Amino acid sequence: MEAVIGVDPHKYVLTAVALDGQSGVLGQWTEDTSSRGLQALRTWASQGTH
């Protein structure tokens, strides 16, 4: 399954949503913009966004 991940970056918070073309929202994620938060985003995206 292919998905598109949109990221809404702000100064202190990142929000991401994963979407597919059939069922819509696959997952949502929010974290701070620290190095730890960015790594968590990479992990979330690579593990199927659940």
PDB file of N, CA and C in Angstrom:
ATOM      1  N   MET A   1       0.842  -1.167   0.000  1.00  0.00           N
ATOM      2  CA  MET A   1       0.000   0.000   0.000  1.00  0.00           C
ATOM      3  C   MET A   1       0.895   1.240   0.000  1.00  0.00           C
ATOM      4  N   GLU A   2       0.556   2.185  -0.836  1.00  0.00           N
ATOM      5  CA  GLU A   2       1.276   3.454  -0.857  1.00  0.00           C
ATOM      6  C   GLU A   2       0.534   4.467  -0.002  1.00  0.00           C
ATOM      7  N   ALA A   3       1.299   5.326   0.635  1.00  0.00           N
ATOM      8  CA  ALA A   3       0.716   6.371   1.469  1.00  0.00           C
ATOM      9  C   ALA A   3       1.463   7.670   1.223  1.00  0.00           C
ATOM     10  N   VAL A   4       0.793   8.760   1.500  1.00  0.00           N
ATOM     11  CA  VAL A   4       1.391  10.088   1.454  1.00  0.00           C
ATOM     12  C   VAL A   4       1.384  10.618   2.873  1.00  0.00           C
ATOM     13  N   ILE A   5       2.519  11.161   3.304  1.00  0.00           N
ATOM     14  CA  ILE A   5       2.615  11.746   4.633  1.00  0.00           C
ATOM     15  C   ILE A   5       2.786  13.246   4.479  1.00  0.00           C
ATOM     16  N   GLY A   6       1.863  13.986   5.064  1.00  0.00           N
ATOM     17  CA  GLY A   6       1.945  15.441   5.083  1.00  0.00           C
ATOM     18  C   GLY A   6       2.407  15.887   6.456  1.00  0.00           C
ATOM     19  N   VAL A   7       3.350  16.828   6.484  1.00  0.00           N
ATOM     20  CA  VAL A   7       3.894  17.323   7.752  1.00  0.00           C
ATOM     21  C   VAL A   7       3.590  18.812   7.870  1.00  0.00           C
ATOM     22  N   ASP A   8       3.065  19.210   9.018  1.00  0.00           N
ATOM     23  CA  ASP A   8       2.766  20.606   9.320  1.00  0.00           C
ATOM     24  C   ASP A   8       3.752  21.065  10.392  1.00  0.00           C
ATOM     25  N   PRO A   9       4.875  21.668   9.974  1.00  0.00           N
ATOM     26  CA  PRO A   9       5.895  22.064  10.942  1.00  0.00           C
ATOM     27  C   PRO A   9       5.614  23.444  11.540  1.00  0.00           C
ATOM     28  N   HIS A  10       5.792  23.538  12.825  1.00  0.00           N
ATOM     29  CA  HIS A  10       5.716  24.814  13.527  1.00  0.00           C
ATOM     30  C   HIS A  10       6.993  24.967  14.343  1.00  0.00           C
ATOM     31  N   LYS A  11       7.151  26.072  15.009  1.00  0.00           N
ATOM     32  CA  LYS A  11       8.391  26.337  15.738  1.00  0.00           C
ATOM     33  C   LYS A  11       8.660  25.295  16.822  1.00  0.00           C
ATOM     34  N   TYR A  12       7.634  24.870  17.538  1.00  0.00           N
ATOM     35  CA  TYR A  12       7.823  23.959  18.667  1.00  0.00           C
ATOM     36  C   TYR A  12       7.165  22.591  18.506  1.00  0.00           C
ATOM     37  N   VAL A  13       6.292  22.429  17.504  1.00  0.00           N
ATOM     38  CA  VAL A  13       5.528  21.186  17.344  1.00  0.00           C
ATOM     39  C   VAL A  13       5.472  20.789  15.873  1.00  0.00           C
ATOM     40  N   LEU A  14       5.607  19.487  15.623  1.00  0.00           N
ATOM     41  CA  LEU A  14       5.397  18.913  14.293  1.00  0.00           C
ATOM     42  C   LEU A  14       4.152  18.041  14.353  1.00  0.00           C
ATOM     43  N   THR A  15       3.306  18.144  13.345  1.00  0.00           N
ATOM     44  CA  THR A  15       2.167  17.241  13.214  1.00  0.00           C
ATOM     45  C   THR A  15       2.244  16.607  11.842  1.00  0.00           C
ATOM     46  N   ALA A  16       2.025  15.316  11.772  1.00  0.00           N
ATOM     47  CA  ALA A  16       2.044  14.596  10.500  1.00  0.00           C
ATOM     48  C   ALA A  16       0.789  13.739  10.398  1.00  0.00           C
ATOM     49  N   VAL A  17       0.311  13.577   9.166  1.00  0.00           N
ATOM     50  CA  VAL A  17      -0.834  12.719   8.885  1.00  0.00           C
ATOM     51  C   VAL A  17      -0.478  11.859   7.690  1.00  0.00           C
ATOM     52  N   ALA A  18      -0.773  10.571   7.781  1.00  0.00           N
ATOM     53  CA  ALA A  18      -0.567   9.647   6.666  1.00  0.00           C
ATOM     54  C   ALA A  18      -1.914   9.367   6.013  1.00  0.00           C
ATOM     55  N   LEU A  19      -1.952   9.477   4.682  1.00  0.00           N
ATOM     56  CA  LEU A  19      -3.178   9.268   3.917  1.00  0.00           C
ATOM     57  C   LEU A  19      -2.936   8.263   2.811  1.00  0.00           C
ATOM     58  N   ASP A  20      -3.981   7.512   2.478  1.00  0.00           N
ATOM     59  CA  ASP A  20      -3.923   6.706   1.263  1.00  0.00           C
ATOM     60  C   ASP A  20      -5.081   7.119   0.358  1.00  0.00           C
ATOM     61  N   GLY A  21      -5.079   6.632  -0.854  1.00  0.00           N
ATOM     62  CA  GLY A  21      -6.072   7.054  -1.823  1.00  0.00           C
ATOM     63  C   GLY A  21      -7.432   6.407  -1.673  1.00  0.00           C
ATOM     64  N   GLN A  22      -7.568   5.429  -0.788  1.00  0.00           N
ATOM     65  CA  GLN A  22      -8.836   4.705  -0.677  1.00  0.00           C
ATOM     66  C   GLN A  22      -9.551   4.929   0.646  1.00  0.00           C
ATOM     67  N   SER A  23      -8.872   4.685   1.740  1.00  0.00           N
ATOM     68  CA  SER A  23      -9.561   4.762   3.033  1.00  0.00           C
ATOM     69  C   SER A  23      -9.327   6.070   3.774  1.00  0.00           C
ATOM     70  N   GLY A  24      -8.475   6.936   3.253  1.00  0.00           N
ATOM     71  CA  GLY A  24      -8.262   8.229   3.893  1.00  0.00           C
ATOM     72  C   GLY A  24      -7.138   8.201   4.911  1.00  0.00           C
ATOM     73  N   VAL A  25      -7.415   8.670   6.118  1.00  0.00           N
ATOM     74  CA  VAL A  25      -6.394   8.815   7.156  1.00  0.00           C
ATOM     75  C   VAL A  25      -5.960   7.446   7.672  1.00  0.00           C
ATOM     76  N   LEU A  26      -4.653   7.200   7.595  1.00  0.00           N
ATOM     77  CA  LEU A  26      -4.074   5.960   8.122  1.00  0.00           C
ATOM     78  C   LEU A  26      -3.530   6.149   9.528  1.00  0.00           C
ATOM     79  N   GLY A  27      -3.087   7.358   9.832  1.00  0.00           N
ATOM     80  CA  GLY A  27      -2.530   7.632  11.144  1.00  0.00           C
ATOM     81  C   GLY A  27      -2.192   9.097  11.291  1.00  0.00           C
ATOM     82  N   GLN A  28      -2.079   9.532  12.534  1.00  0.00           N
ATOM     83  CA  GLN A  28      -1.719  10.910  12.842  1.00  0.00           C
ATOM     84  C   GLN A  28      -0.669  10.894  13.938  1.00  0.00           C
ATOM     85  N   TRP A  29       0.224  11.873  13.908  1.00  0.00           N
ATOM     86  CA  TRP A  29       1.348  11.896  14.829  1.00  0.00           C
ATOM     87  C   TRP A  29       1.650  13.346  15.194  1.00  0.00           C
ATOM     88  N   THR A  30       1.966  13.623  16.456  1.00  0.00           N
ATOM     89  CA  THR A  30       2.374  14.957  16.916  1.00  0.00           C
ATOM     90  C   THR A  30       3.509  14.801  17.917  1.00  0.00           C
ATOM     91  N   GLU A  31       4.518  15.669  17.780  1.00  0.00           N
ATOM     92  CA  GLU A  31       5.681  15.609  18.674  1.00  0.00           C
ATOM     93  C   GLU A  31       6.363  16.978  18.652  1.00  0.00           C
ATOM     94  N   ASP A  32       7.241  17.206  19.606  1.00  0.00           N
ATOM     95  CA  ASP A  32       7.996  18.458  19.607  1.00  0.00           C
ATOM     96  C   ASP A  32       9.068  18.433  18.510  1.00  0.00           C
ATOM     97  N   THR A  33       9.682  19.586  18.259  1.00  0.00           N
ATOM     98  CA  THR A  33      10.649  19.714  17.162  1.00  0.00           C
ATOM     99  C   THR A  33      12.089  19.429  17.576  1.00  0.00           C
ATOM    100  N   SER A  34      12.275  18.804  18.701  1.00  0.00           N
ATOM    101  CA  SER A  34      13.627  18.451  19.147  1.00  0.00           C
ATOM    102  C   SER A  34      14.213  17.357  18.255  1.00  0.00           C
ATOM    103  N   SER A  35      15.480  17.086  18.413  1.00  0.00           N
ATOM    104  CA  SER A  35      16.117  15.985  17.678  1.00  0.00           C
ATOM    105  C   SER A  35      15.415  14.667  17.974  1.00  0.00           C
ATOM    106  N   ARG A  36      15.009  14.465  19.214  1.00  0.00           N
ATOM    107  CA  ARG A  36      14.274  13.263  19.609  1.00  0.00           C
ATOM    108  C   ARG A  36      12.941  13.187  18.876  1.00  0.00           C
ATOM    109  N   GLY A  37      12.266  14.320  18.765  1.00  0.00           N
ATOM    110  CA  GLY A  37      10.988  14.361  18.062  1.00  0.00           C
ATOM    111  C   GLY A  37      11.130  14.059  16.581  1.00  0.00           C
ATOM    112  N   LEU A  38      12.179  14.596  15.960  1.00  0.00           N
ATOM    113  CA  LEU A  38      12.411  14.324  14.538  1.00  0.00           C
ATOM    114  C   LEU A  38      12.728  12.854  14.305  1.00  0.00           C
ATOM    115  N   GLN A  39      13.498  12.257  15.198  1.00  0.00           N
ATOM    116  CA  GLN A  39      13.783  10.827  15.083  1.00  0.00           C
ATOM    117  C   GLN A  39      12.506  10.009  15.275  1.00  0.00           C
ATOM    118  N   ALA A  40      11.655  10.434  16.185  1.00  0.00           N
ATOM    119  CA  ALA A  40      10.380   9.741  16.395  1.00  0.00           C
ATOM    120  C   ALA A  40       9.508   9.815  15.146  1.00  0.00           C
ATOM    121  N   LEU A  41       9.537  10.947  14.442  1.00  0.00           N
ATOM    122  CA  LEU A  41       8.790  11.075  13.186  1.00  0.00           C
ATOM    123  C   LEU A  41       9.315  10.095  12.145  1.00  0.00           C
ATOM    124  N   ARG A  42      10.619   9.999  12.016  1.00  0.00           N
ATOM    125  CA  ARG A  42      11.208   9.043  11.067  1.00  0.00           C
ATOM    126  C   ARG A  42      10.785   7.613  11.405  1.00  0.00           C
ATOM    127  N   THR A  43      10.826   7.287  12.683  1.00  0.00           N
ATOM    128  CA  THR A  43      10.434   5.946  13.118  1.00  0.00           C
ATOM    129  C   THR A  43       8.962   5.694  12.827  1.00  0.00           C
ATOM    130  N   TRP A  44       8.106   6.637  13.172  1.00  0.00           N
ATOM    131  CA  TRP A  44       6.664   6.512  12.924  1.00  0.00           C
ATOM    132  C   TRP A  44       6.399   6.282  11.441  1.00  0.00           C
ATOM    133  N   ALA A  45       7.027   7.071  10.593  1.00  0.00           N
ATOM    134  CA  ALA A  45       6.797   6.962   9.148  1.00  0.00           C
ATOM    135  C   ALA A  45       7.299   5.631   8.596  1.00  0.00           C
ATOM    136  N   SER A  46       8.428   5.156   9.093  1.00  0.00           N
ATOM    137  CA  SER A  46       9.002   3.920   8.554  1.00  0.00           C
ATOM    138  C   SER A  46       8.312   2.662   9.079  1.00  0.00           C
ATOM    139  N   GLN A  47       7.571   2.769  10.173  1.00  0.00           N
ATOM    140  CA  GLN A  47       6.907   1.597  10.759  1.00  0.00           C
ATOM    141  C   GLN A  47       5.442   1.484  10.355  1.00  0.00           C
ATOM    142  N   GLY A  48       5.062   2.135   9.311  1.00  0.00           N
ATOM    143  CA  GLY A  48       3.701   1.982   8.830  1.00  0.00           C
ATOM    144  C   GLY A  48       2.709   2.992   9.367  1.00  0.00           C
ATOM    145  N   THR A  49       3.155   3.996  10.101  1.00  0.00           N
ATOM    146  CA  THR A  49       2.355   5.146  10.538  1.00  0.00           C
ATOM    147  C   THR A  49       1.172   4.807  11.433  1.00  0.00           C
ATOM    148  N   HIS A  50       1.264   3.767  12.250  1.00  0.00           N
ATOM    149  CA  HIS A  50       0.164   3.445  13.172  1.00  0.00           C
ATOM    150  C   HIS A  50       0.522   3.848  14.574  1.00  0.00           C
TER     151      HIS A  50
END
